[in-house]
Amino acid sequence: MIEKHDHSALLVEVKDLMPNDELLCDLGDLFKIFGDTTRIKILYSLFESELCVCAIAELLGMEQSAISHQLKILRNAKLVTYRRDGKTKLYMLADEHVRSIIGQGFEHLTEEER
């Protein structure tokens, strides 16, 4: 006979700490945005410097319209922002949280190499 453990106290504690379903769904949606290689390339390029659409397009060897489309998704997710310099929009990471997510993800992937 298999011995059954009583997890009820632990489950109550964990359930009380769990965010609501809407917030967890939003978190899942946020991570889906990181699931696209083009968006990751854009984010990583902005990790290094603020750039205009044409510079990102040239860097990634893509059309400006494709980059603009991905930047719109990233802006809507509040992962990137921009400032105007004359008629040019210079894109940058939205805040240090985004920088941290990218940096920690990269650190995790290269951990064994160190």
PDB file of N, CA and C in Angstrom:
ATOM      1  N   MET A   1       0.837  -1.180   0.000  1.00  0.00           N
ATOM      2  CA  MET A   1       0.000   0.000   0.000  1.00  0.00           C
ATOM      3  C   MET A   1       0.891   1.256   0.000  1.00  0.00           C
ATOM      4  N   ILE A   2       0.521   2.221  -0.836  1.00  0.00           N
ATOM      5  CA  ILE A   2       1.289   3.459  -0.944  1.00  0.00           C
ATOM      6  C   ILE A   2       0.844   4.411   0.154  1.00  0.00           C
ATOM      7  N   GLU A   3       1.840   4.949   0.858  1.00  0.00           N
ATOM      8  CA  GLU A   3       1.557   5.896   1.931  1.00  0.00           C
ATOM      9  C   GLU A   3       1.210   7.251   1.327  1.00  0.00           C
ATOM     10  N   LYS A   4       0.124   7.815   1.779  1.00  0.00           N
ATOM     11  CA  LYS A   4      -0.327   9.110   1.272  1.00  0.00           C
ATOM     12  C   LYS A   4       0.098  10.202   2.259  1.00  0.00           C
ATOM     13  N   HIS A   5       0.670  11.277   1.720  1.00  0.00           N
ATOM     14  CA  HIS A   5       1.109  12.395   2.551  1.00  0.00           C
ATOM     15  C   HIS A   5      -0.006  13.413   2.693  1.00  0.00           C
ATOM     16  N   ASP A   6      -0.037  14.074   3.820  1.00  0.00           N
ATOM     17  CA  ASP A   6      -1.006  15.146   4.032  1.00  0.00           C
ATOM     18  C   ASP A   6      -0.342  16.475   3.657  1.00  0.00           C
ATOM     19  N   HIS A   7      -0.740  16.993   2.525  1.00  0.00           N
ATOM     20  CA  HIS A   7      -0.181  18.249   2.009  1.00  0.00           C
ATOM     21  C   HIS A   7      -1.122  19.420   2.228  1.00  0.00           C
ATOM     22  N   SER A   8      -2.205  19.214   2.942  1.00  0.00           N
ATOM     23  CA  SER A   8      -3.262  20.219   3.006  1.00  0.00           C
ATOM     24  C   SER A   8      -2.771  21.572   3.528  1.00  0.00           C
ATOM     25  N   ALA A   9      -1.960  21.593   4.579  1.00  0.00           N
ATOM     26  CA  ALA A   9      -1.469  22.867   5.126  1.00  0.00           C
ATOM     27  C   ALA A   9      -0.573  23.575   4.116  1.00  0.00           C
ATOM     28  N   LEU A  10       0.293  22.838   3.465  1.00  0.00           N
ATOM     29  CA  LEU A  10       1.198  23.410   2.460  1.00  0.00           C
ATOM     30  C   LEU A  10       0.397  23.950   1.274  1.00  0.00           C
ATOM     31  N   LEU A  11      -0.609  23.200   0.838  1.00  0.00           N
ATOM     32  CA  LEU A  11      -1.415  23.634  -0.300  1.00  0.00           C
ATOM     33  C   LEU A  11      -2.206  24.905   0.008  1.00  0.00           C
ATOM     34  N   VAL A  12      -2.703  25.017   1.230  1.00  0.00           N
ATOM     35  CA  VAL A  12      -3.408  26.233   1.630  1.00  0.00           C
ATOM     36  C   VAL A  12      -2.450  27.424   1.595  1.00  0.00           C
ATOM     37  N   GLU A  13      -1.245  27.225   2.094  1.00  0.00           N
ATOM     38  CA  GLU A  13      -0.240  28.297   2.116  1.00  0.00           C
ATOM     39  C   GLU A  13       0.124  28.734   0.697  1.00  0.00           C
ATOM     40  N   VAL A  14       0.376  27.759  -0.166  1.00  0.00           N
ATOM     41  CA  VAL A  14       0.757  28.079  -1.542  1.00  0.00           C
ATOM     42  C   VAL A  14      -0.410  28.747  -2.273  1.00  0.00           C
ATOM     43  N   LYS A  15      -1.618  28.236  -2.075  1.00  0.00           N
ATOM     44  CA  LYS A  15      -2.788  28.816  -2.736  1.00  0.00           C
ATOM     45  C   LYS A  15      -2.980  30.268  -2.315  1.00  0.00           C
ATOM     46  N   ASP A  16      -2.751  30.576  -1.052  1.00  0.00           N
ATOM     47  CA  ASP A  16      -2.883  31.951  -0.570  1.00  0.00           C
ATOM     48  C   ASP A  16      -1.846  32.882  -1.206  1.00  0.00           C
ATOM     49  N   LEU A  17      -0.698  32.337  -1.586  1.00  0.00           N
ATOM     50  CA  LEU A  17       0.367  33.139  -2.179  1.00  0.00           C
ATOM     51  C   LEU A  17       0.250  33.262  -3.697  1.00  0.00           C
ATOM     52  N   MET A  18      -0.571  32.409  -4.308  1.00  0.00           N
ATOM     53  CA  MET A  18      -0.712  32.407  -5.770  1.00  0.00           C
ATOM     54  C   MET A  18      -1.431  33.668  -6.241  1.00  0.00           C
ATOM     55  N   PRO A  19      -0.907  34.309  -7.276  1.00  0.00           N
ATOM     56  CA  PRO A  19      -1.631  35.439  -7.874  1.00  0.00           C
ATOM     57  C   PRO A  19      -2.933  34.932  -8.501  1.00  0.00           C
ATOM     58  N   ASN A  20      -3.844  35.853  -8.795  1.00  0.00           N
ATOM     59  CA  ASN A  20      -5.107  35.428  -9.408  1.00  0.00           C
ATOM     60  C   ASN A  20      -4.875  34.965 -10.850  1.00  0.00           C
ATOM     61  N   ASP A  21      -5.862  34.260 -11.394  1.00  0.00           N
ATOM     62  CA  ASP A  21      -5.735  33.674 -12.730  1.00  0.00           C
ATOM     63  C   ASP A  21      -5.478  34.718 -13.812  1.00  0.00           C
ATOM     64  N   GLU A  22      -6.100  35.887 -13.686  1.00  0.00           N
ATOM     65  CA  GLU A  22      -5.908  36.931 -14.691  1.00  0.00           C
ATOM     66  C   GLU A  22      -4.452  37.392 -14.732  1.00  0.00           C
ATOM     67  N   LEU A  23      -3.857  37.572 -13.577  1.00  0.00           N
ATOM     68  CA  LEU A  23      -2.460  37.997 -13.522  1.00  0.00           C
ATOM     69  C   LEU A  23      -1.534  36.905 -14.057  1.00  0.00           C
ATOM     70  N   LEU A  24      -1.814  35.656 -13.739  1.00  0.00           N
ATOM     71  CA  LEU A  24      -0.998  34.549 -14.251  1.00  0.00           C
ATOM     72  C   LEU A  24      -1.148  34.420 -15.764  1.00  0.00           C
ATOM     73  N   CYS A  25      -2.348  34.669 -16.276  1.00  0.00           N
ATOM     74  CA  CYS A  25      -2.572  34.655 -17.724  1.00  0.00           C
ATOM     75  C   CYS A  25      -1.767  35.767 -18.391  1.00  0.00           C
ATOM     76  N   ASP A  26      -1.782  36.958 -17.780  1.00  0.00           N
ATOM     77  CA  ASP A  26      -0.992  38.084 -18.304  1.00  0.00           C
ATOM     78  C   ASP A  26       0.499  37.754 -18.304  1.00  0.00           C
ATOM     79  N   LEU A  27       0.964  37.079 -17.267  1.00  0.00           N
ATOM     80  CA  LEU A  27       2.369  36.681 -17.204  1.00  0.00           C
ATOM     81  C   LEU A  27       2.702  35.690 -18.317  1.00  0.00           C
ATOM     82  N   GLY A  28       1.795  34.741 -18.546  1.00  0.00           N
ATOM     83  CA  GLY A  28       1.990  33.796 -19.651  1.00  0.00           C
ATOM     84  C   GLY A  28       2.053  34.509 -20.988  1.00  0.00           C
ATOM     85  N   ASP A  29       1.171  35.506 -21.187  1.00  0.00           N
ATOM     86  CA  ASP A  29       1.179  36.275 -22.428  1.00  0.00           C
ATOM     87  C   ASP A  29       2.485  37.054 -22.593  1.00  0.00           C
ATOM     88  N   LEU A  30       2.995  37.590 -21.487  1.00  0.00           N
ATOM     89  CA  LEU A  30       4.266  38.305 -21.540  1.00  0.00           C
ATOM     90  C   LEU A  30       5.390  37.379 -22.011  1.00  0.00           C
ATOM     91  N   PHE A  31       5.433  36.187 -21.456  1.00  0.00           N
ATOM     92  CA  PHE A  31       6.494  35.267 -21.850  1.00  0.00           C
ATOM     93  C   PHE A  31       6.326  34.754 -23.276  1.00  0.00           C
ATOM     94  N   LYS A  32       5.096  34.728 -23.790  1.00  0.00           N
ATOM     95  CA  LYS A  32       4.891  34.361 -25.196  1.00  0.00           C
ATOM     96  C   LYS A  32       5.596  35.359 -26.108  1.00  0.00           C
ATOM     97  N   ILE A  33       5.583  36.622 -25.707  1.00  0.00           N
ATOM     98  CA  ILE A  33       6.238  37.653 -26.516  1.00  0.00           C
ATOM     99  C   ILE A  33       7.735  37.364 -26.627  1.00  0.00           C
ATOM    100  N   PHE A  34       8.317  36.836 -25.574  1.00  0.00           N
ATOM    101  CA  PHE A  34       9.735  36.483 -25.599  1.00  0.00           C
ATOM    102  C   PHE A  34       9.989  35.212 -26.422  1.00  0.00           C
ATOM    103  N   GLY A  35       8.930  34.551 -26.864  1.00  0.00           N
ATOM    104  CA  GLY A  35       9.065  33.300 -27.607  1.00  0.00           C
ATOM    105  C   GLY A  35       9.329  33.481 -29.090  1.00  0.00           C
ATOM    106  N   ASP A  36       9.438  34.702 -29.558  1.00  0.00           N
ATOM    107  CA  ASP A  36       9.678  34.972 -30.970  1.00  0.00           C
ATOM    108  C   ASP A  36      11.131  35.418 -31.163  1.00  0.00           C
ATOM    109  N   THR A  37      11.854  34.725 -32.023  1.00  0.00           N
ATOM    110  CA  THR A  37      13.278  34.994 -32.219  1.00  0.00           C
ATOM    111  C   THR A  37      13.536  36.425 -32.716  1.00  0.00           C
ATOM    112  N   THR A  38      12.705  36.918 -33.614  1.00  0.00           N
ATOM    113  CA  THR A  38      12.903  38.284 -34.117  1.00  0.00           C
ATOM    114  C   THR A  38      12.756  39.289 -32.981  1.00  0.00           C
ATOM    115  N   ARG A  39      11.738  39.110 -32.149  1.00  0.00           N
ATOM    116  CA  ARG A  39      11.556  40.041 -31.034  1.00  0.00           C
ATOM    117  C   ARG A  39      12.723  39.954 -30.059  1.00  0.00           C
ATOM    118  N   ILE A  40      13.221  38.759 -29.826  1.00  0.00           N
ATOM    119  CA  ILE A  40      14.386  38.597 -28.938  1.00  0.00           C
ATOM    120  C   ILE A  40      15.596  39.317 -29.536  1.00  0.00           C
ATOM    121  N   LYS A  41      15.793  39.196 -30.832  1.00  0.00           N
ATOM    122  CA  LYS A  41      16.911  39.891 -31.487  1.00  0.00           C
ATOM    123  C   LYS A  41      16.766  41.408 -31.342  1.00  0.00           C
ATOM    124  N   ILE A  42      15.545  41.899 -31.508  1.00  0.00           N
ATOM    125  CA  ILE A  42      15.304  43.334 -31.352  1.00  0.00           C
ATOM    126  C   ILE A  42      15.593  43.754 -29.910  1.00  0.00           C
ATOM    127  N   LEU A  43      15.056  43.005 -28.966  1.00  0.00           N
ATOM    128  CA  LEU A  43      15.286  43.330 -27.554  1.00  0.00           C
ATOM    129  C   LEU A  43      16.771  43.295 -27.214  1.00  0.00           C
ATOM    130  N   TYR A  44      17.463  42.287 -27.714  1.00  0.00           N
ATOM    131  CA  TYR A  44      18.889  42.198 -27.401  1.00  0.00           C
ATOM    132  C   TYR A  44      19.666  43.349 -28.035  1.00  0.00           C
ATOM    133  N   SER A  45      19.290  43.738 -29.245  1.00  0.00           N
ATOM    134  CA  SER A  45      19.980  44.882 -29.865  1.00  0.00           C
ATOM    135  C   SER A  45      19.733  46.155 -29.061  1.00  0.00           C
ATOM    136  N   LEU A  46      18.520  46.296 -28.504  1.00  0.00           N
ATOM    137  CA  LEU A  46      18.216  47.464 -27.678  1.00  0.00           C
ATOM    138  C   LEU A  46      18.832  47.352 -26.290  1.00  0.00           C
ATOM    139  N   PHE A  47      19.197  46.142 -25.905  1.00  0.00           N
ATOM    140  CA  PHE A  47      19.933  45.933 -24.656  1.00  0.00           C
ATOM    141  C   PHE A  47      21.275  46.650 -24.749  1.00  0.00           C
ATOM    142  N   GLU A  48      21.822  46.699 -25.965  1.00  0.00           N
ATOM    143  CA  GLU A  48      23.136  47.291 -26.191  1.00  0.00           C
ATOM    144  C   GLU A  48      23.086  48.797 -26.446  1.00  0.00           C
ATOM    145  N   SER A  49      22.017  49.271 -27.120  1.00  0.00           N
ATOM    146  CA  SER A  49      21.971  50.683 -27.497  1.00  0.00           C
ATOM    147  C   SER A  49      20.561  51.058 -27.927  1.00  0.00           C
ATOM    148  N   GLU A  50      20.212  52.334 -27.831  1.00  0.00           N
ATOM    149  CA  GLU A  50      18.946  52.758 -28.427  1.00  0.00           C
ATOM    150  C   GLU A  50      19.174  52.878 -29.926  1.00  0.00           C
ATOM    151  N   LEU A  51      18.156  52.486 -30.703  1.00  0.00           N
ATOM    152  CA  LEU A  51      18.297  52.420 -32.157  1.00  0.00           C
ATOM    153  C   LEU A  51      17.010  52.848 -32.838  1.00  0.00           C
ATOM    154  N   CYS A  52      17.135  53.361 -34.055  1.00  0.00           N
ATOM    155  CA  CYS A  52      15.964  53.657 -34.875  1.00  0.00           C
ATOM    156  C   CYS A  52      15.561  52.404 -35.648  1.00  0.00           C
ATOM    157  N   VAL A  53      14.374  52.443 -36.223  1.00  0.00           N
ATOM    158  CA  VAL A  53      13.864  51.281 -36.964  1.00  0.00           C
ATOM    159  C   VAL A  53      14.807  50.894 -38.094  1.00  0.00           C
ATOM    160  N   CYS A  54      15.299  51.869 -38.828  1.00  0.00           N
ATOM    161  CA  CYS A  54      16.158  51.543 -39.974  1.00  0.00           C
ATOM    162  C   CYS A  54      17.463  50.887 -39.521  1.00  0.00           C
ATOM    163  N   ALA A  55      17.996  51.298 -38.386  1.00  0.00           N
ATOM    164  CA  ALA A  55      19.225  50.673 -37.879  1.00  0.00           C
ATOM    165  C   ALA A  55      18.957  49.229 -37.444  1.00  0.00           C
ATOM    166  N   ILE A  56      17.833  49.002 -36.788  1.00  0.00           N
ATOM    167  CA  ILE A  56      17.481  47.635 -36.371  1.00  0.00           C
ATOM    168  C   ILE A  56      17.277  46.767 -37.603  1.00  0.00           C
ATOM    169  N   ALA A  57      16.579  47.298 -38.603  1.00  0.00           N
ATOM    170  CA  ALA A  57      16.340  46.549 -39.844  1.00  0.00           C
ATOM    171  C   ALA A  57      17.654  46.171 -40.518  1.00  0.00           C
ATOM    172  N   GLU A  58      18.571  47.123 -40.581  1.00  0.00           N
ATOM    173  CA  GLU A  58      19.871  46.858 -41.189  1.00  0.00           C
ATOM    174  C   GLU A  58      20.650  45.825 -40.372  1.00  0.00           C
ATOM    175  N   LEU A  59      20.642  45.981 -39.071  1.00  0.00           N
ATOM    176  CA  LEU A  59      21.353  45.055 -38.184  1.00  0.00           C
ATOM    177  C   LEU A  59      20.847  43.625 -38.344  1.00  0.00           C
ATOM    178  N   LEU A  60      19.531  43.474 -38.439  1.00  0.00           N
ATOM    179  CA  LEU A  60      18.942  42.136 -38.508  1.00  0.00           C
ATOM    180  C   LEU A  60      18.722  41.643 -39.937  1.00  0.00           C
ATOM    181  N   GLY A  61      19.007  42.493 -40.929  1.00  0.00           N
ATOM    182  CA  GLY A  61      18.822  42.098 -42.319  1.00  0.00           C
ATOM    183  C   GLY A  61      17.359  41.860 -42.663  1.00  0.00           C
ATOM    184  N   MET A  62      16.492  42.735 -42.163  1.00  0.00           N
ATOM    185  CA  MET A  62      15.053  42.594 -42.370  1.00  0.00           C
ATOM    186  C   MET A  62      14.474  43.892 -42.908  1.00  0.00           C
ATOM    187  N   GLU A  63      13.241  43.816 -43.401  1.00  0.00           N
ATOM    188  CA  GLU A  63      12.539  45.002 -43.881  1.00  0.00           C
ATOM    189  C   GLU A  63      12.093  45.863 -42.697  1.00  0.00           C
ATOM    190  N   GLN A  64      12.091  47.179 -42.918  1.00  0.00           N
ATOM    191  CA  GLN A  64      11.656  48.093 -41.861  1.00  0.00           C
ATOM    192  C   GLN A  64      10.219  47.827 -41.424  1.00  0.00           C
ATOM    193  N   SER A  65       9.364  47.439 -42.365  1.00  0.00           N
ATOM    194  CA  SER A  65       7.959  47.186 -42.018  1.00  0.00           C
ATOM    195  C   SER A  65       7.840  46.006 -41.049  1.00  0.00           C
ATOM    196  N   ALA A  66       8.669  44.981 -41.235  1.00  0.00           N
ATOM    197  CA  ALA A  66       8.645  43.824 -40.334  1.00  0.00           C
ATOM    198  C   ALA A  66       9.135  44.222 -38.941  1.00  0.00           C
ATOM    199  N   ILE A  67      10.163  45.052 -38.893  1.00  0.00           N
ATOM    200  CA  ILE A  67      10.685  45.527 -37.607  1.00  0.00           C
ATOM    201  C   ILE A  67       9.647  46.409 -36.917  1.00  0.00           C
ATOM    202  N   SER A  68       9.011  47.300 -37.668  1.00  0.00           N
ATOM    203  CA  SER A  68       7.982  48.174 -37.101  1.00  0.00           C
ATOM    204  C   SER A  68       6.844  47.359 -36.501  1.00  0.00           C
ATOM    205  N   HIS A  69       6.441  46.295 -37.203  1.00  0.00           N
ATOM    206  CA  HIS A  69       5.373  45.426 -36.702  1.00  0.00           C
ATOM    207  C   HIS A  69       5.768  44.803 -35.360  1.00  0.00           C
ATOM    208  N   GLN A  70       6.989  44.297 -35.267  1.00  0.00           N
ATOM    209  CA  GLN A  70       7.452  43.675 -34.025  1.00  0.00           C
ATOM    210  C   GLN A  70       7.624  44.714 -32.919  1.00  0.00           C
ATOM    211  N   LEU A  71       8.083  45.899 -33.268  1.00  0.00           N
ATOM    212  CA  LEU A  71       8.220  46.968 -32.274  1.00  0.00           C
ATOM    213  C   LEU A  71       6.864  47.368 -31.701  1.00  0.00           C
ATOM    214  N   LYS A  72       5.829  47.343 -32.540  1.00  0.00           N
ATOM    215  CA  LYS A  72       4.487  47.660 -32.051  1.00  0.00           C
ATOM    216  C   LYS A  72       4.048  46.640 -30.999  1.00  0.00           C
ATOM    217  N   ILE A  73       4.317  45.373 -31.251  1.00  0.00           N
ATOM    218  CA  ILE A  73       3.991  44.316 -30.281  1.00  0.00           C
ATOM    219  C   ILE A  73       4.769  44.548 -28.989  1.00  0.00           C
ATOM    220  N   LEU A  74       6.042  44.858 -29.123  1.00  0.00           N
ATOM    221  CA  LEU A  74       6.882  45.091 -27.943  1.00  0.00           C
ATOM    222  C   LEU A  74       6.452  46.352 -27.190  1.00  0.00           C
ATOM    223  N   ARG A  75       6.039  47.378 -27.907  1.00  0.00           N
ATOM    224  CA  ARG A  75       5.533  48.601 -27.249  1.00  0.00           C
ATOM    225  C   ARG A  75       4.233  48.318 -26.509  1.00  0.00           C
ATOM    226  N   ASN A  76       3.323  47.586 -27.151  1.00  0.00           N
ATOM    227  CA  ASN A  76       2.043  47.262 -26.519  1.00  0.00           C
ATOM    228  C   ASN A  76       2.229  46.445 -25.247  1.00  0.00           C
ATOM    229  N   ALA A  77       3.295  45.650 -25.207  1.00  0.00           N
ATOM    230  CA  ALA A  77       3.604  44.841 -24.017  1.00  0.00           C
ATOM    231  C   ALA A  77       4.438  45.632 -23.008  1.00  0.00           C
ATOM    232  N   LYS A  78       4.699  46.896 -23.327  1.00  0.00           N
ATOM    233  CA  LYS A  78       5.485  47.780 -22.462  1.00  0.00           C
ATOM    234  C   LYS A  78       6.908  47.264 -22.225  1.00  0.00           C
ATOM    235  N   LEU A  79       7.459  46.631 -23.265  1.00  0.00           N
ATOM    236  CA  LEU A  79       8.834  46.134 -23.192  1.00  0.00           C
ATOM    237  C   LEU A  79       9.816  47.115 -23.818  1.00  0.00           C
ATOM    238  N   VAL A  80       9.337  47.903 -24.778  1.00  0.00           N
ATOM    239  CA  VAL A  80      10.179  48.943 -25.371  1.00  0.00           C
ATOM    240  C   VAL A  80       9.409  50.260 -25.359  1.00  0.00           C
ATOM    241  N   THR A  81      10.159  51.313 -25.445  1.00  0.00           N
ATOM    242  CA  THR A  81       9.603  52.656 -25.566  1.00  0.00           C
ATOM    243  C   THR A  81      10.482  53.406 -26.557  1.00  0.00           C
ATOM    244  N   TYR A  82      10.156  54.641 -26.828  1.00  0.00           N
ATOM    245  CA  TYR A  82      10.973  55.423 -27.756  1.00  0.00           C
ATOM    246  C   TYR A  82      10.963  56.883 -27.347  1.00  0.00           C
ATOM    247  N   ARG A  83      11.914  57.584 -27.916  1.00  0.00           N
ATOM    248  CA  ARG A  83      11.952  59.042 -27.797  1.00  0.00           C
ATOM    249  C   ARG A  83      12.160  59.590 -29.199  1.00  0.00           C
ATOM    250  N   ARG A  84      11.658  60.769 -29.408  1.00  0.00           N
ATOM    251  CA  ARG A  84      11.823  61.409 -30.717  1.00  0.00           C
ATOM    252  C   ARG A  84      13.108  62.228 -30.747  1.00  0.00           C
ATOM    253  N   ASP A  85      13.788  62.109 -31.874  1.00  0.00           N
ATOM    254  CA  ASP A  85      14.952  62.944 -32.163  1.00  0.00           C
ATOM    255  C   ASP A  85      14.675  63.551 -33.536  1.00  0.00           C
ATOM    256  N   GLY A  86      14.042  64.716 -33.557  1.00  0.00           N
ATOM    257  CA  GLY A  86      13.556  65.283 -34.818  1.00  0.00           C
ATOM    258  C   GLY A  86      12.401  64.427 -35.311  1.00  0.00           C
ATOM    259  N   LYS A  87      12.533  63.918 -36.538  1.00  0.00           N
ATOM    260  CA  LYS A  87      11.494  63.051 -37.102  1.00  0.00           C
ATOM    261  C   LYS A  87      11.763  61.574 -36.816  1.00  0.00           C
ATOM    262  N   THR A  88      12.896  61.282 -36.212  1.00  0.00           N
ATOM    263  CA  THR A  88      13.297  59.897 -35.964  1.00  0.00           C
ATOM    264  C   THR A  88      12.861  59.438 -34.577  1.00  0.00           C
ATOM    265  N   LYS A  89      12.351  58.218 -34.510  1.00  0.00           N
ATOM    266  CA  LYS A  89      12.044  57.593 -33.224  1.00  0.00           C
ATOM    267  C   LYS A  89      13.216  56.682 -32.859  1.00  0.00           C
ATOM    268  N   LEU A  90      13.775  56.913 -31.698  1.00  0.00           N
ATOM    269  CA  LEU A  90      14.846  56.055 -31.194  1.00  0.00           C
ATOM    270  C   LEU A  90      14.255  55.133 -30.139  1.00  0.00           C
ATOM    271  N   TYR A  91      14.332  53.835 -30.396  1.00  0.00           N
ATOM    272  CA  TYR A  91      13.742  52.841 -29.503  1.00  0.00           C
ATOM    273  C   TYR A  91      14.754  52.403 -28.458  1.00  0.00           C
ATOM    274  N   MET A  92      14.210  52.059 -27.285  1.00  0.00           N
ATOM    275  CA  MET A  92      15.040  51.591 -26.185  1.00  0.00           C
ATOM    276  C   MET A  92      14.206  50.635 -25.336  1.00  0.00           C
ATOM    277  N   LEU A  93      14.887  49.865 -24.497  1.00  0.00           N
ATOM    278  CA  LEU A  93      14.169  49.016 -23.557  1.00  0.00           C
ATOM    279  C   LEU A  93      13.364  49.903 -22.620  1.00  0.00           C
ATOM    280  N   ALA A  94      12.194  49.442 -22.230  1.00  0.00           N
ATOM    281  CA  ALA A  94      11.276  50.269 -21.454  1.00  0.00           C
ATOM    282  C   ALA A  94      11.794  50.595 -20.063  1.00  0.00           C
ATOM    283  N   ASP A  95      12.461  49.638 -19.429  1.00  0.00           N
ATOM    284  CA  ASP A  95      12.952  49.886 -18.073  1.00  0.00           C
ATOM    285  C   ASP A  95      13.961  48.815 -17.666  1.00  0.00           C
ATOM    286  N   GLU A  96      14.437  48.929 -16.453  1.00  0.00           N
ATOM    287  CA  GLU A  96      15.444  47.985 -15.959  1.00  0.00           C
ATOM    288  C   GLU A  96      14.890  46.575 -15.790  1.00  0.00           C
ATOM    289  N   HIS A  97      13.570  46.437 -15.622  1.00  0.00           N
ATOM    290  CA  HIS A  97      12.986  45.096 -15.512  1.00  0.00           C
ATOM    291  C   HIS A  97      13.219  44.308 -16.799  1.00  0.00           C
ATOM    292  N   VAL A  98      13.020  44.962 -17.931  1.00  0.00           N
ATOM    293  CA  VAL A  98      13.212  44.306 -19.229  1.00  0.00           C
ATOM    294  C   VAL A  98      14.678  43.943 -19.395  1.00  0.00           C
ATOM    295  N   ARG A  99      15.548  44.862 -19.045  1.00  0.00           N
ATOM    296  CA  ARG A  99      16.999  44.606 -19.115  1.00  0.00           C
ATOM    297  C   ARG A  99      17.361  43.409 -18.241  1.00  0.00           C
ATOM    298  N   SER A 100      16.767  43.333 -17.071  1.00  0.00           N
ATOM    299  CA  SER A 100      17.039  42.237 -16.139  1.00  0.00           C
ATOM    300  C   SER A 100      16.543  40.894 -16.684  1.00  0.00           C
ATOM    301  N   ILE A 101      15.338  40.887 -17.268  1.00  0.00           N
ATOM    302  CA  ILE A 101      14.792  39.646 -17.841  1.00  0.00           C
ATOM    303  C   ILE A 101      15.716  39.115 -18.927  1.00  0.00           C
ATOM    304  N   ILE A 102      16.129  39.991 -19.827  1.00  0.00           N
ATOM    305  CA  ILE A 102      17.017  39.578 -20.925  1.00  0.00           C
ATOM    306  C   ILE A 102      18.367  39.141 -20.374  1.00  0.00           C
ATOM    307  N   GLY A 103      18.929  39.948 -19.487  1.00  0.00           N
ATOM    308  CA  GLY A 103      20.237  39.623 -18.910  1.00  0.00           C
ATOM    309  C   GLY A 103      20.219  38.308 -18.146  1.00  0.00           C
ATOM    310  N   GLN A 104      19.188  38.081 -17.349  1.00  0.00           N
ATOM    311  CA  GLN A 104      19.123  36.849 -16.568  1.00  0.00           C
ATOM    312  C   GLN A 104      18.873  35.641 -17.461  1.00  0.00           C
ATOM    313  N   GLY A 105      18.051  35.820 -18.495  1.00  0.00           N
ATOM    314  CA  GLY A 105      17.829  34.721 -19.436  1.00  0.00           C
ATOM    315  C   GLY A 105      19.116  34.330 -20.129  1.00  0.00           C
ATOM    316  N   PHE A 106      19.866  35.333 -20.569  1.00  0.00           N
ATOM    317  CA  PHE A 106      21.139  35.070 -21.235  1.00  0.00           C
ATOM    318  C   PHE A 106      22.130  34.436 -20.272  1.00  0.00           C
ATOM    319  N   GLU A 107      22.156  34.934 -19.049  1.00  0.00           N
ATOM    320  CA  GLU A 107      23.043  34.380 -18.025  1.00  0.00           C
ATOM    321  C   GLU A 107      22.702  32.916 -17.746  1.00  0.00           C
ATOM    322  N   HIS A 108      21.418  32.610 -17.687  1.00  0.00           N
ATOM    323  CA  HIS A 108      20.981  31.228 -17.450  1.00  0.00           C
ATOM    324  C   HIS A 108      21.453  30.314 -18.578  1.00  0.00           C
ATOM    325  N   LEU A 109      21.313  30.783 -19.825  1.00  0.00           N
ATOM    326  CA  LEU A 109      21.694  29.960 -20.969  1.00  0.00           C
ATOM    327  C   LEU A 109      23.198  29.733 -21.070  1.00  0.00           C
ATOM    328  N   THR A 110      23.985  30.702 -20.627  1.00  0.00           N
ATOM    329  CA  THR A 110      25.439  30.583 -20.755  1.00  0.00           C
ATOM    330  C   THR A 110      26.105  30.143 -19.457  1.00  0.00           C
ATOM    331  N   GLU A 111      25.328  29.768 -18.469  1.00  0.00           N
ATOM    332  CA  GLU A 111      25.841  29.427 -17.144  1.00  0.00           C
ATOM    333  C   GLU A 111      26.881  28.309 -17.180  1.00  0.00           C
ATOM    334  N   GLU A 112      26.623  27.267 -17.920  1.00  0.00           N
ATOM    335  CA  GLU A 112      27.553  26.124 -17.955  1.00  0.00           C
ATOM    336  C   GLU A 112      28.861  26.458 -18.664  1.00  0.00           C
ATOM    337  N   GLU A 113      28.814  27.460 -19.545  1.00  0.00           N
ATOM    338  CA  GLU A 113      30.007  27.845 -20.291  1.00  0.00           C
ATOM    339  C   GLU A 113      31.039  28.531 -19.408  1.00  0.00           C
ATOM    340  N   ARG A 114      30.587  29.104 -18.286  1.00  0.00           N
ATOM    341  CA  ARG A 114      31.502  29.830 -17.409  1.00  0.00           C
ATOM    342  C   ARG A 114      32.217  28.927 -16.471  1.00  0.00           C
TER     343      ARG A 114
END
